């Protein structure tokens, strides 16, 4: 018995949509693209993106992408626009209309009212001879040869092309505006991505009275007490000037005691136990960079001393603290 596999059909449709995006790139008119980018980059208001049905879903996604990459944008449904929603459109805005046919009733109906407000209209359209294309100030060809739908009816390939084209516009606009990592982070404060770009060592470290320390010359019993009282599994060792001389983890302490005879323990001092010149991090460093310092090494470490520019010790940060933050 032959078992029918659907794998070839799925692969074929993926290639169909990928090829449609590649074909769309060759259809673009350079002058129209420049016109669109000049309108978007010169917009002093917001980008109002219009779409109905599946095109409306794509419009919402592109608006969300623009918002997160430094461009004020929103999605406006044309039916809502005709019933009061047009009040959101101002003269300093740019309107981008997305439509496969360019003849959708609600879209055609709102065009005169957009013109009356003297806002530039960008058409992302699948029919260059449509009413929308003829009335727009700039037109981008988003046509496709056929849909991925077996009946060539359900918007599939056309919405994929429209989405890719919208993303290309948003990313080009982001580049034109010179958006930096810090700018991007301001718009993404939550989630793993935002935390990697914003969360700093000072936000997670144990500083002040929470940071256990001992002095050079402290007995091993003082070290044990410091580790136990601090509850962080380590203590920073300071010299007489308050600068970091080393670090002692509970592992360092155990290993040192194990290799010494009991008679020598009475004279065991902190400088004989500590790791000298340990890996350190500054309070202003990104917590993600501190994580990489701990993990991207042959032998991972679980705690870092935090120092200032003068190498004065200001605290400790643990791998556990960083992982618990969600990085």
C-alpha atoms as a PDB file:
ATOM      1  CA  UNK A   1       0.000   0.000   0.000  1.00  0.00           C
ATOM      2  CA  UNK A   2       1.352   3.399  -1.004  1.00  0.00           C
ATOM      3  CA  UNK A   3       1.143   6.106   1.650  1.00  0.00           C
ATOM      4  CA  UNK A   4       0.461   9.515   0.171  1.00  0.00           C
ATOM      5  CA  UNK A   5       2.857  12.215   1.328  1.00  0.00           C
ATOM      6  CA  UNK A   6       1.978  15.883   1.440  1.00  0.00           C
ATOM      7  CA  UNK A   7       5.573  17.018   1.848  1.00  0.00           C
ATOM      8  CA  UNK A   8       6.181  17.810  -1.862  1.00  0.00           C
ATOM      9  CA  UNK A   9       3.077  19.998  -2.011  1.00  0.00           C
ATOM     10  CA  UNK A  10       4.083  22.014   1.048  1.00  0.00           C
ATOM     11  CA  UNK A  11       7.574  22.541  -0.389  1.00  0.00           C
ATOM     12  CA  UNK A  12       6.135  23.509  -3.774  1.00  0.00           C
ATOM     13  CA  UNK A  13       3.896  26.160  -2.218  1.00  0.00           C
ATOM     14  CA  UNK A  14       6.768  27.587  -0.178  1.00  0.00           C
ATOM     15  CA  UNK A  15       8.800  27.928  -3.358  1.00  0.00           C
ATOM     16  CA  UNK A  16       5.782  29.521  -5.059  1.00  0.00           C
ATOM     17  CA  UNK A  17       5.528  32.222  -2.409  1.00  0.00           C
ATOM     18  CA  UNK A  18       9.293  32.749  -2.225  1.00  0.00           C
ATOM     19  CA  UNK A  19       9.463  33.141  -6.006  1.00  0.00           C
ATOM     20  CA  UNK A  20       6.578  35.621  -5.883  1.00  0.00           C
ATOM     21  CA  UNK A  21       8.570  37.842  -3.495  1.00  0.00           C
ATOM     22  CA  UNK A  22      11.611  37.637  -5.781  1.00  0.00           C
ATOM     23  CA  UNK A  23       9.436  38.537  -8.784  1.00  0.00           C
ATOM     24  CA  UNK A  24       7.948  41.489  -6.889  1.00  0.00           C
ATOM     25  CA  UNK A  25      11.445  42.859  -6.335  1.00  0.00           C
ATOM     26  CA  UNK A  26      12.047  42.902 -10.095  1.00  0.00           C
ATOM     27  CA  UNK A  27       8.717  44.629 -10.777  1.00  0.00           C
ATOM     28  CA  UNK A  28       9.374  47.595  -8.498  1.00  0.00           C
ATOM     29  CA  UNK A  29       9.784  50.956 -10.182  1.00  0.00           C
ATOM     30  CA  UNK A  30      12.833  52.780  -8.828  1.00  0.00           C
ATOM     31  CA  UNK A  31      11.308  56.239  -9.150  1.00  0.00           C
ATOM     32  CA  UNK A  32       8.173  55.133  -7.314  1.00  0.00           C
ATOM     33  CA  UNK A  33      10.193  53.517  -4.531  1.00  0.00           C
ATOM     34  CA  UNK A  34      12.197  56.735  -4.077  1.00  0.00           C
ATOM     35  CA  UNK A  35       8.974  58.712  -4.019  1.00  0.00           C
ATOM     36  CA  UNK A  36       7.515  56.420  -1.347  1.00  0.00           C
ATOM     37  CA  UNK A  37      10.607  56.562   0.847  1.00  0.00           C
ATOM     38  CA  UNK A  38      10.781  60.344   0.588  1.00  0.00           C
ATOM     39  CA  UNK A  39       7.131  60.609   1.624  1.00  0.00           C
ATOM     40  CA  UNK A  40       7.612  58.251   4.574  1.00  0.00           C
ATOM     41  CA  UNK A  41      10.875  59.759   5.803  1.00  0.00           C
ATOM     42  CA  UNK A  42       9.543  63.289   5.406  1.00  0.00           C
ATOM     43  CA  UNK A  43       6.317  62.566   7.272  1.00  0.00           C
ATOM     44  CA  UNK A  44       5.965  64.953  10.217  1.00  0.00           C
ATOM     45  CA  UNK A  45       2.891  63.169  11.540  1.00  0.00           C
ATOM     46  CA  UNK A  46       2.095  59.488  11.458  1.00  0.00           C
ATOM     47  CA  UNK A  47       1.763  56.803   8.815  1.00  0.00           C
ATOM     48  CA  UNK A  48      -1.860  55.694   8.553  1.00  0.00           C
ATOM     49  CA  UNK A  49      -2.052  52.243   6.967  1.00  0.00           C
ATOM     50  CA  UNK A  50      -5.376  51.213   5.437  1.00  0.00           C
ATOM     51  CA  UNK A  51      -6.526  47.731   4.491  1.00  0.00           C
ATOM     52  CA  UNK A  52      -9.613  45.500   4.418  1.00  0.00           C
ATOM     53  CA  UNK A  53      -9.859  41.790   5.153  1.00  0.00           C
ATOM     54  CA  UNK A  54      -6.554  39.927   4.813  1.00  0.00           C
ATOM     55  CA  UNK A  55      -4.919  43.137   3.585  1.00  0.00           C
ATOM     56  CA  UNK A  56      -6.114  44.754   6.792  1.00  0.00           C
ATOM     57  CA  UNK A  57      -4.312  42.108   8.838  1.00  0.00           C
ATOM     58  CA  UNK A  58      -1.118  42.789   6.872  1.00  0.00           C
ATOM     59  CA  UNK A  59      -1.637  46.532   7.352  1.00  0.00           C
ATOM     60  CA  UNK A  60      -1.876  46.073  11.126  1.00  0.00           C
ATOM     61  CA  UNK A  61       1.321  44.052  11.169  1.00  0.00           C
ATOM     62  CA  UNK A  62       3.249  46.640   9.148  1.00  0.00           C
ATOM     63  CA  UNK A  63       1.932  49.427  11.390  1.00  0.00           C
ATOM     64  CA  UNK A  64       3.151  47.478  14.431  1.00  0.00           C
ATOM     65  CA  UNK A  65       6.571  46.992  12.830  1.00  0.00           C
ATOM     66  CA  UNK A  66       6.886  50.696  12.057  1.00  0.00           C
ATOM     67  CA  UNK A  67       5.864  51.653  15.586  1.00  0.00           C
ATOM     68  CA  UNK A  68       8.486  49.375  17.123  1.00  0.00           C
ATOM     69  CA  UNK A  69      11.211  50.727  14.836  1.00  0.00           C
ATOM     70  CA  UNK A  70      10.752  54.423  15.457  1.00  0.00           C
ATOM     71  CA  UNK A  71       7.894  55.508  13.153  1.00  0.00           C
ATOM     72  CA  UNK A  72       4.515  56.597  14.486  1.00  0.00           C
ATOM     73  CA  UNK A  73       1.928  54.510  12.655  1.00  0.00           C
ATOM     74  CA  UNK A  74      -1.546  53.031  13.006  1.00  0.00           C
ATOM     75  CA  UNK A  75      -4.004  50.863  11.103  1.00  0.00           C
ATOM     76  CA  UNK A  76      -7.303  52.403   9.984  1.00  0.00           C
ATOM     77  CA  UNK A  77     -10.152  50.302   8.638  1.00  0.00           C
ATOM     78  CA  UNK A  78     -11.850  52.151   5.759  1.00  0.00           C
ATOM     79  CA  UNK A  79     -15.350  51.359   7.093  1.00  0.00           C
ATOM     80  CA  UNK A  80     -14.417  52.946  10.405  1.00  0.00           C
ATOM     81  CA  UNK A  81     -12.862  55.838   8.500  1.00  0.00           C
ATOM     82  CA  UNK A  82     -16.142  56.566   6.741  1.00  0.00           C
ATOM     83  CA  UNK A  83     -17.970  56.621  10.077  1.00  0.00           C
ATOM     84  CA  UNK A  84     -15.806  59.090  11.959  1.00  0.00           C
ATOM     85  CA  UNK A  85     -12.416  57.416  11.901  1.00  0.00           C
ATOM     86  CA  UNK A  86     -11.118  59.908   9.326  1.00  0.00           C
ATOM     87  CA  UNK A  87     -10.762  62.336  12.202  1.00  0.00           C
ATOM     88  CA  UNK A  88      -7.478  60.607  13.065  1.00  0.00           C
ATOM     89  CA  UNK A  89      -5.953  61.672   9.730  1.00  0.00           C
ATOM     90  CA  UNK A  90      -4.152  65.026   9.754  1.00  0.00           C
ATOM     91  CA  UNK A  91      -2.557  67.081   6.983  1.00  0.00           C
ATOM     92  CA  UNK A  92       0.970  66.158   8.121  1.00  0.00           C
ATOM     93  CA  UNK A  93       0.255  62.414   7.909  1.00  0.00           C
ATOM     94  CA  UNK A  94       0.948  59.954   5.098  1.00  0.00           C
ATOM     95  CA  UNK A  95      -1.655  57.334   4.173  1.00  0.00           C
ATOM     96  CA  UNK A  96      -0.566  53.954   2.816  1.00  0.00           C
ATOM     97  CA  UNK A  97      -3.364  51.858   1.318  1.00  0.00           C
ATOM     98  CA  UNK A  98      -2.919  48.122   0.812  1.00  0.00           C
ATOM     99  CA  UNK A  99      -5.202  46.290  -1.613  1.00  0.00           C
ATOM    100  CA  UNK A 100      -4.874  43.409  -4.044  1.00  0.00           C
ATOM    101  CA  UNK A 101      -7.548  44.627  -6.458  1.00  0.00           C
ATOM    102  CA  UNK A 102      -7.394  48.362  -5.813  1.00  0.00           C
ATOM    103  CA  UNK A 103     -11.179  48.388  -6.298  1.00  0.00           C
ATOM    104  CA  UNK A 104     -12.490  47.467  -2.842  1.00  0.00           C
ATOM    105  CA  UNK A 105     -15.682  49.499  -2.328  1.00  0.00           C
ATOM    106  CA  UNK A 106     -14.771  50.887   1.105  1.00  0.00           C
ATOM    107  CA  UNK A 107     -11.318  51.936  -0.064  1.00  0.00           C
ATOM    108  CA  UNK A 108     -12.540  53.607  -3.237  1.00  0.00           C
ATOM    109  CA  UNK A 109     -15.230  55.399  -1.227  1.00  0.00           C
ATOM    110  CA  UNK A 110     -12.731  56.937   1.201  1.00  0.00           C
ATOM    111  CA  UNK A 111     -10.238  58.170  -1.431  1.00  0.00           C
ATOM    112  CA  UNK A 112     -12.047  61.492  -2.156  1.00  0.00           C
ATOM    113  CA  UNK A 113     -12.106  62.342   1.533  1.00  0.00           C
ATOM    114  CA  UNK A 114      -8.393  61.606   1.876  1.00  0.00           C
ATOM    115  CA  UNK A 115      -7.734  63.850  -1.128  1.00  0.00           C
ATOM    116  CA  UNK A 116      -9.799  66.589   0.491  1.00  0.00           C
ATOM    117  CA  UNK A 117      -7.490  66.434   3.503  1.00  0.00           C
ATOM    118  CA  UNK A 118      -4.511  66.856   1.141  1.00  0.00           C
ATOM    119  CA  UNK A 119      -2.591  63.912   2.564  1.00  0.00           C
ATOM    120  CA  UNK A 120      -0.256  62.004   0.249  1.00  0.00           C
ATOM    121  CA  UNK A 121      -1.499  58.507  -0.594  1.00  0.00           C
ATOM    122  CA  UNK A 122       0.809  55.552  -1.161  1.00  0.00           C
ATOM    123  CA  UNK A 123      -0.773  52.547  -2.869  1.00  0.00           C
ATOM    124  CA  UNK A 124       0.594  49.045  -2.342  1.00  0.00           C
ATOM    125  CA  UNK A 125      -1.599  47.374  -4.906  1.00  0.00           C
ATOM    126  CA  UNK A 126      -1.853  44.308  -7.094  1.00  0.00           C
ATOM    127  CA  UNK A 127      -3.525  46.085 -10.009  1.00  0.00           C
ATOM    128  CA  UNK A 128      -1.680  49.072 -11.491  1.00  0.00           C
ATOM    129  CA  UNK A 129      -4.745  50.007 -13.592  1.00  0.00           C
ATOM    130  CA  UNK A 130      -7.076  50.193 -10.603  1.00  0.00           C
ATOM    131  CA  UNK A 131      -8.884  53.202  -9.170  1.00  0.00           C
ATOM    132  CA  UNK A 132      -6.583  53.174  -6.139  1.00  0.00           C
ATOM    133  CA  UNK A 133      -3.426  53.129  -8.269  1.00  0.00           C
ATOM    134  CA  UNK A 134      -4.693  55.943 -10.498  1.00  0.00           C
ATOM    135  CA  UNK A 135      -5.552  58.217  -7.572  1.00  0.00           C
ATOM    136  CA  UNK A 136      -2.455  57.568  -5.435  1.00  0.00           C
ATOM    137  CA  UNK A 137       0.543  59.878  -5.240  1.00  0.00           C
ATOM    138  CA  UNK A 138       2.961  56.926  -5.318  1.00  0.00           C
ATOM    139  CA  UNK A 139       2.345  53.334  -6.353  1.00  0.00           C
ATOM    140  CA  UNK A 140       4.185  50.119  -5.511  1.00  0.00           C
ATOM    141  CA  UNK A 141       3.450  47.056  -7.618  1.00  0.00           C
ATOM    142  CA  UNK A 142       2.489  44.146  -5.325  1.00  0.00           C
ATOM    143  CA  UNK A 143       0.962  41.977  -8.057  1.00  0.00           C
ATOM    144  CA  UNK A 144       1.381  38.205  -8.186  1.00  0.00           C
ATOM    145  CA  UNK A 145       0.939  35.701 -10.990  1.00  0.00           C
ATOM    146  CA  UNK A 146      -1.261  33.428  -8.893  1.00  0.00           C
ATOM    147  CA  UNK A 147      -2.240  32.650  -5.323  1.00  0.00           C
ATOM    148  CA  UNK A 148      -0.977  29.609  -3.464  1.00  0.00           C
ATOM    149  CA  UNK A 149      -4.641  28.662  -3.016  1.00  0.00           C
ATOM    150  CA  UNK A 150      -5.550  25.662  -5.242  1.00  0.00           C
ATOM    151  CA  UNK A 151      -8.546  27.643  -6.484  1.00  0.00           C
ATOM    152  CA  UNK A 152      -6.410  30.773  -6.995  1.00  0.00           C
ATOM    153  CA  UNK A 153      -8.860  32.634  -4.769  1.00  0.00           C
ATOM    154  CA  UNK A 154      -7.782  32.853  -1.108  1.00  0.00           C
ATOM    155  CA  UNK A 155      -5.270  35.689  -0.529  1.00  0.00           C
ATOM    156  CA  UNK A 156      -2.034  33.834   0.173  1.00  0.00           C
ATOM    157  CA  UNK A 157       0.811  34.684  -2.173  1.00  0.00           C
ATOM    158  CA  UNK A 158      -0.520  38.235  -2.533  1.00  0.00           C
ATOM    159  CA  UNK A 159      -0.547  38.842   1.216  1.00  0.00           C
ATOM    160  CA  UNK A 160       2.934  37.339   1.525  1.00  0.00           C
ATOM    161  CA  UNK A 161       4.260  39.772  -1.078  1.00  0.00           C
ATOM    162  CA  UNK A 162       2.456  42.712   0.552  1.00  0.00           C
ATOM    163  CA  UNK A 163       3.890  41.792   3.943  1.00  0.00           C
ATOM    164  CA  UNK A 164       7.432  41.432   2.598  1.00  0.00           C
ATOM    165  CA  UNK A 165       7.143  44.747   0.768  1.00  0.00           C
ATOM    166  CA  UNK A 166       5.825  46.465   3.893  1.00  0.00           C
ATOM    167  CA  UNK A 167       8.677  45.047   5.957  1.00  0.00           C
ATOM    168  CA  UNK A 168      11.189  46.256   3.366  1.00  0.00           C
ATOM    169  CA  UNK A 169       9.743  49.773   3.561  1.00  0.00           C
ATOM    170  CA  UNK A 170       9.757  49.758   7.379  1.00  0.00           C
ATOM    171  CA  UNK A 171      13.343  48.514   7.614  1.00  0.00           C
ATOM    172  CA  UNK A 172      14.583  50.987   4.991  1.00  0.00           C
ATOM    173  CA  UNK A 173      12.835  53.771   6.885  1.00  0.00           C
ATOM    174  CA  UNK A 174      14.441  52.573  10.116  1.00  0.00           C
ATOM    175  CA  UNK A 175      17.858  52.739   8.455  1.00  0.00           C
ATOM    176  CA  UNK A 176      17.163  56.194   7.007  1.00  0.00           C
ATOM    177  CA  UNK A 177      16.284  57.470  10.475  1.00  0.00           C
ATOM    178  CA  UNK A 178      19.495  56.036  11.920  1.00  0.00           C
ATOM    179  CA  UNK A 179      17.757  54.080  14.673  1.00  0.00           C
ATOM    180  CA  UNK A 180      20.356  52.783  17.147  1.00  0.00           C
ATOM    181  CA  UNK A 181      20.318  49.803  19.504  1.00  0.00           C
ATOM    182  CA  UNK A 182      19.546  52.159  22.379  1.00  0.00           C
ATOM    183  CA  UNK A 183      16.647  53.692  20.439  1.00  0.00           C
ATOM    184  CA  UNK A 184      15.333  50.230  19.661  1.00  0.00           C
ATOM    185  CA  UNK A 185      15.627  49.188  23.300  1.00  0.00           C
ATOM    186  CA  UNK A 186      13.511  52.141  24.451  1.00  0.00           C
ATOM    187  CA  UNK A 187      10.621  50.711  22.430  1.00  0.00           C
ATOM    188  CA  UNK A 188      11.231  47.143  23.662  1.00  0.00           C
ATOM    189  CA  UNK A 189      11.737  47.325  27.450  1.00  0.00           C
ATOM    190  CA  UNK A 190      10.077  43.976  28.173  1.00  0.00           C
ATOM    191  CA  UNK A 191      10.812  40.477  27.005  1.00  0.00           C
ATOM    192  CA  UNK A 192      14.171  38.830  26.523  1.00  0.00           C
ATOM    193  CA  UNK A 193      15.193  41.117  23.646  1.00  0.00           C
ATOM    194  CA  UNK A 194      14.453  44.290  25.579  1.00  0.00           C
ATOM    195  CA  UNK A 195      16.197  43.047  28.687  1.00  0.00           C
ATOM    196  CA  UNK A 196      19.331  42.179  26.743  1.00  0.00           C
ATOM    197  CA  UNK A 197      19.468  45.749  25.454  1.00  0.00           C
ATOM    198  CA  UNK A 198      18.516  47.587  28.636  1.00  0.00           C
ATOM    199  CA  UNK A 199      19.118  45.591  31.816  1.00  0.00           C
ATOM    200  CA  UNK A 200      22.428  46.509  33.437  1.00  0.00           C
ATOM    201  CA  UNK A 201      24.602  44.929  36.093  1.00  0.00           C
ATOM    202  CA  UNK A 202      23.667  47.639  38.594  1.00  0.00           C
ATOM    203  CA  UNK A 203      20.019  46.536  38.303  1.00  0.00           C
ATOM    204  CA  UNK A 204      20.826  42.989  39.443  1.00  0.00           C
ATOM    205  CA  UNK A 205      23.992  43.127  41.525  1.00  0.00           C
ATOM    206  CA  UNK A 206      24.313  42.885  45.294  1.00  0.00           C
ATOM    207  CA  UNK A 207      25.948  46.098  46.443  1.00  0.00           C
ATOM    208  CA  UNK A 208      26.521  48.054  49.628  1.00  0.00           C
ATOM    209  CA  UNK A 209      25.711  46.085  52.790  1.00  0.00           C
ATOM    210  CA  UNK A 210      24.439  43.208  50.644  1.00  0.00           C
ATOM    211  CA  UNK A 211      27.900  42.647  49.188  1.00  0.00           C
ATOM    212  CA  UNK A 212      30.032  40.463  51.507  1.00  0.00           C
ATOM    213  CA  UNK A 213      33.705  41.407  51.759  1.00  0.00           C
ATOM    214  CA  UNK A 214      36.746  40.456  53.783  1.00  0.00           C
ATOM    215  CA  UNK A 215      40.141  42.111  54.092  1.00  0.00           C
ATOM    216  CA  UNK A 216      43.529  40.838  53.039  1.00  0.00           C
ATOM    217  CA  UNK A 217      44.890  38.955  56.067  1.00  0.00           C
ATOM    218  CA  UNK A 218      41.489  37.709  57.262  1.00  0.00           C
ATOM    219  CA  UNK A 219      41.424  34.205  58.729  1.00  0.00           C
ATOM    220  CA  UNK A 220      39.715  31.372  56.923  1.00  0.00           C
ATOM    221  CA  UNK A 221      37.061  31.363  59.634  1.00  0.00           C
ATOM    222  CA  UNK A 222      36.315  35.013  58.844  1.00  0.00           C
ATOM    223  CA  UNK A 223      35.979  33.999  55.202  1.00  0.00           C
ATOM    224  CA  UNK A 224      33.534  31.224  56.145  1.00  0.00           C
ATOM    225  CA  UNK A 225      31.493  33.697  58.181  1.00  0.00           C
ATOM    226  CA  UNK A 226      31.505  36.211  55.292  1.00  0.00           C
ATOM    227  CA  UNK A 227      30.276  33.640  52.806  1.00  0.00           C
ATOM    228  CA  UNK A 228      27.637  32.340  55.219  1.00  0.00           C
ATOM    229  CA  UNK A 229      26.374  35.772  56.264  1.00  0.00           C
ATOM    230  CA  UNK A 230      26.256  37.067  52.699  1.00  0.00           C
ATOM    231  CA  UNK A 231      24.424  34.068  51.324  1.00  0.00           C
ATOM    232  CA  UNK A 232      25.890  34.625  47.847  1.00  0.00           C
ATOM    233  CA  UNK A 233      28.389  31.775  47.798  1.00  0.00           C
ATOM    234  CA  UNK A 234      31.368  34.134  47.601  1.00  0.00           C
ATOM    235  CA  UNK A 235      33.139  37.108  49.160  1.00  0.00           C
ATOM    236  CA  UNK A 236      35.232  39.839  47.599  1.00  0.00           C
ATOM    237  CA  UNK A 237      38.687  40.318  49.134  1.00  0.00           C
ATOM    238  CA  UNK A 238      39.762  43.944  49.534  1.00  0.00           C
ATOM    239  CA  UNK A 239      43.197  45.429  50.093  1.00  0.00           C
ATOM    240  CA  UNK A 240      43.813  48.219  52.600  1.00  0.00           C
ATOM    241  CA  UNK A 241      42.820  50.861  50.024  1.00  0.00           C
ATOM    242  CA  UNK A 242      39.429  49.228  49.449  1.00  0.00           C
ATOM    243  CA  UNK A 243      40.352  47.988  46.010  1.00  0.00           C
ATOM    244  CA  UNK A 244      39.591  44.502  44.828  1.00  0.00           C
ATOM    245  CA  UNK A 245      42.427  42.072  45.502  1.00  0.00           C
ATOM    246  CA  UNK A 246      40.590  38.859  44.706  1.00  0.00           C
ATOM    247  CA  UNK A 247      37.490  36.750  45.190  1.00  0.00           C
ATOM    248  CA  UNK A 248      36.822  33.639  47.252  1.00  0.00           C
ATOM    249  CA  UNK A 249      33.954  31.312  46.388  1.00  0.00           C
ATOM    250  CA  UNK A 250      32.738  28.523  48.627  1.00  0.00           C
ATOM    251  CA  UNK A 251      34.349  26.160  46.130  1.00  0.00           C
ATOM    252  CA  UNK A 252      37.708  27.907  46.516  1.00  0.00           C
ATOM    253  CA  UNK A 253      37.392  27.576  50.280  1.00  0.00           C
ATOM    254  CA  UNK A 254      36.536  23.871  50.213  1.00  0.00           C
ATOM    255  CA  UNK A 255      39.316  22.997  47.789  1.00  0.00           C
ATOM    256  CA  UNK A 256      41.918  24.899  49.817  1.00  0.00           C
ATOM    257  CA  UNK A 257      40.911  23.252  53.108  1.00  0.00           C
ATOM    258  CA  UNK A 258      40.894  19.785  51.515  1.00  0.00           C
ATOM    259  CA  UNK A 259      44.498  20.035  50.363  1.00  0.00           C
ATOM    260  CA  UNK A 260      45.879  21.387  53.649  1.00  0.00           C
ATOM    261  CA  UNK A 261      46.671  19.491  56.804  1.00  0.00           C
ATOM    262  CA  UNK A 262      44.744  20.433  59.903  1.00  0.00           C
ATOM    263  CA  UNK A 263      47.784  21.881  61.662  1.00  0.00           C
ATOM    264  CA  UNK A 264      48.166  24.524  58.943  1.00  0.00           C
ATOM    265  CA  UNK A 265      44.546  25.709  59.046  1.00  0.00           C
ATOM    266  CA  UNK A 266      45.146  27.943  62.041  1.00  0.00           C
ATOM    267  CA  UNK A 267      47.389  30.215  59.961  1.00  0.00           C
ATOM    268  CA  UNK A 268      45.345  30.059  56.728  1.00  0.00           C
ATOM    269  CA  UNK A 269      44.603  33.571  55.469  1.00  0.00           C
ATOM    270  CA  UNK A 270      42.284  34.974  52.801  1.00  0.00           C
ATOM    271  CA  UNK A 271      45.073  35.771  50.326  1.00  0.00           C
ATOM    272  CA  UNK A 272      46.045  32.069  50.267  1.00  0.00           C
ATOM    273  CA  UNK A 273      42.517  31.061  49.295  1.00  0.00           C
ATOM    274  CA  UNK A 274      41.453  33.788  46.896  1.00  0.00           C
ATOM    275  CA  UNK A 275      41.583  33.922  43.121  1.00  0.00           C
ATOM    276  CA  UNK A 276      43.822  36.862  42.313  1.00  0.00           C
ATOM    277  CA  UNK A 277      42.946  39.291  39.498  1.00  0.00           C
ATOM    278  CA  UNK A 278      39.557  37.718  38.878  1.00  0.00           C
ATOM    279  CA  UNK A 279      37.324  38.487  35.912  1.00  0.00           C
ATOM    280  CA  UNK A 280      35.357  41.616  36.828  1.00  0.00           C
ATOM    281  CA  UNK A 281      32.520  43.679  35.417  1.00  0.00           C
ATOM    282  CA  UNK A 282      31.430  47.304  35.792  1.00  0.00           C
ATOM    283  CA  UNK A 283      28.088  48.318  37.239  1.00  0.00           C
ATOM    284  CA  UNK A 284      27.144  50.090  33.995  1.00  0.00           C
ATOM    285  CA  UNK A 285      27.774  47.037  31.813  1.00  0.00           C
ATOM    286  CA  UNK A 286      24.822  45.239  30.252  1.00  0.00           C
ATOM    287  CA  UNK A 287      23.759  42.253  32.298  1.00  0.00           C
ATOM    288  CA  UNK A 288      23.798  40.211  29.091  1.00  0.00           C
ATOM    289  CA  UNK A 289      27.484  41.052  28.623  1.00  0.00           C
ATOM    290  CA  UNK A 290      28.147  39.896  32.181  1.00  0.00           C
ATOM    291  CA  UNK A 291      26.382  36.634  31.358  1.00  0.00           C
ATOM    292  CA  UNK A 292      28.613  36.147  28.349  1.00  0.00           C
ATOM    293  CA  UNK A 293      31.703  36.813  30.523  1.00  0.00           C
ATOM    294  CA  UNK A 294      30.608  34.027  32.836  1.00  0.00           C
ATOM    295  CA  UNK A 295      29.637  31.476  30.196  1.00  0.00           C
ATOM    296  CA  UNK A 296      31.838  32.065  27.128  1.00  0.00           C
ATOM    297  CA  UNK A 297      34.963  30.528  28.611  1.00  0.00           C
ATOM    298  CA  UNK A 298      36.445  27.039  28.957  1.00  0.00           C
ATOM    299  CA  UNK A 299      35.528  26.919  32.644  1.00  0.00           C
ATOM    300  CA  UNK A 300      32.312  28.711  33.552  1.00  0.00           C
ATOM    301  CA  UNK A 301      32.158  30.964  36.585  1.00  0.00           C
ATOM    302  CA  UNK A 302      29.068  31.678  38.629  1.00  0.00           C
ATOM    303  CA  UNK A 303      29.884  35.024  40.286  1.00  0.00           C
ATOM    304  CA  UNK A 304      31.607  38.237  39.244  1.00  0.00           C
ATOM    305  CA  UNK A 305      32.979  41.077  41.373  1.00  0.00           C
ATOM    306  CA  UNK A 306      31.590  44.462  40.330  1.00  0.00           C
ATOM    307  CA  UNK A 307      34.100  47.317  40.345  1.00  0.00           C
ATOM    308  CA  UNK A 308      34.168  50.991  39.437  1.00  0.00           C
ATOM    309  CA  UNK A 309      36.712  52.784  37.236  1.00  0.00           C
ATOM    310  CA  UNK A 310      39.214  52.929  40.115  1.00  0.00           C
ATOM    311  CA  UNK A 311      38.786  49.169  40.638  1.00  0.00           C
ATOM    312  CA  UNK A 312      37.142  49.800  43.971  1.00  0.00           C
ATOM    313  CA  UNK A 313      34.750  46.994  44.757  1.00  0.00           C
ATOM    314  CA  UNK A 314      31.069  47.988  44.617  1.00  0.00           C
ATOM    315  CA  UNK A 315      29.347  44.604  44.695  1.00  0.00           C
ATOM    316  CA  UNK A 316      28.825  41.069  43.396  1.00  0.00           C
ATOM    317  CA  UNK A 317      26.621  39.680  40.651  1.00  0.00           C
ATOM    318  CA  UNK A 318      25.766  36.007  40.330  1.00  0.00           C
ATOM    319  CA  UNK A 319      24.883  33.931  37.303  1.00  0.00           C
ATOM    320  CA  UNK A 320      21.739  32.972  39.204  1.00  0.00           C
ATOM    321  CA  UNK A 321      20.683  36.640  39.442  1.00  0.00           C
ATOM    322  CA  UNK A 322      21.019  37.096  35.687  1.00  0.00           C
ATOM    323  CA  UNK A 323      19.216  33.885  34.747  1.00  0.00           C
ATOM    324  CA  UNK A 324      16.392  34.665  37.176  1.00  0.00           C
ATOM    325  CA  UNK A 325      15.895  38.038  35.462  1.00  0.00           C
ATOM    326  CA  UNK A 326      14.825  36.226  32.277  1.00  0.00           C
ATOM    327  CA  UNK A 327      17.820  36.952  30.048  1.00  0.00           C
END
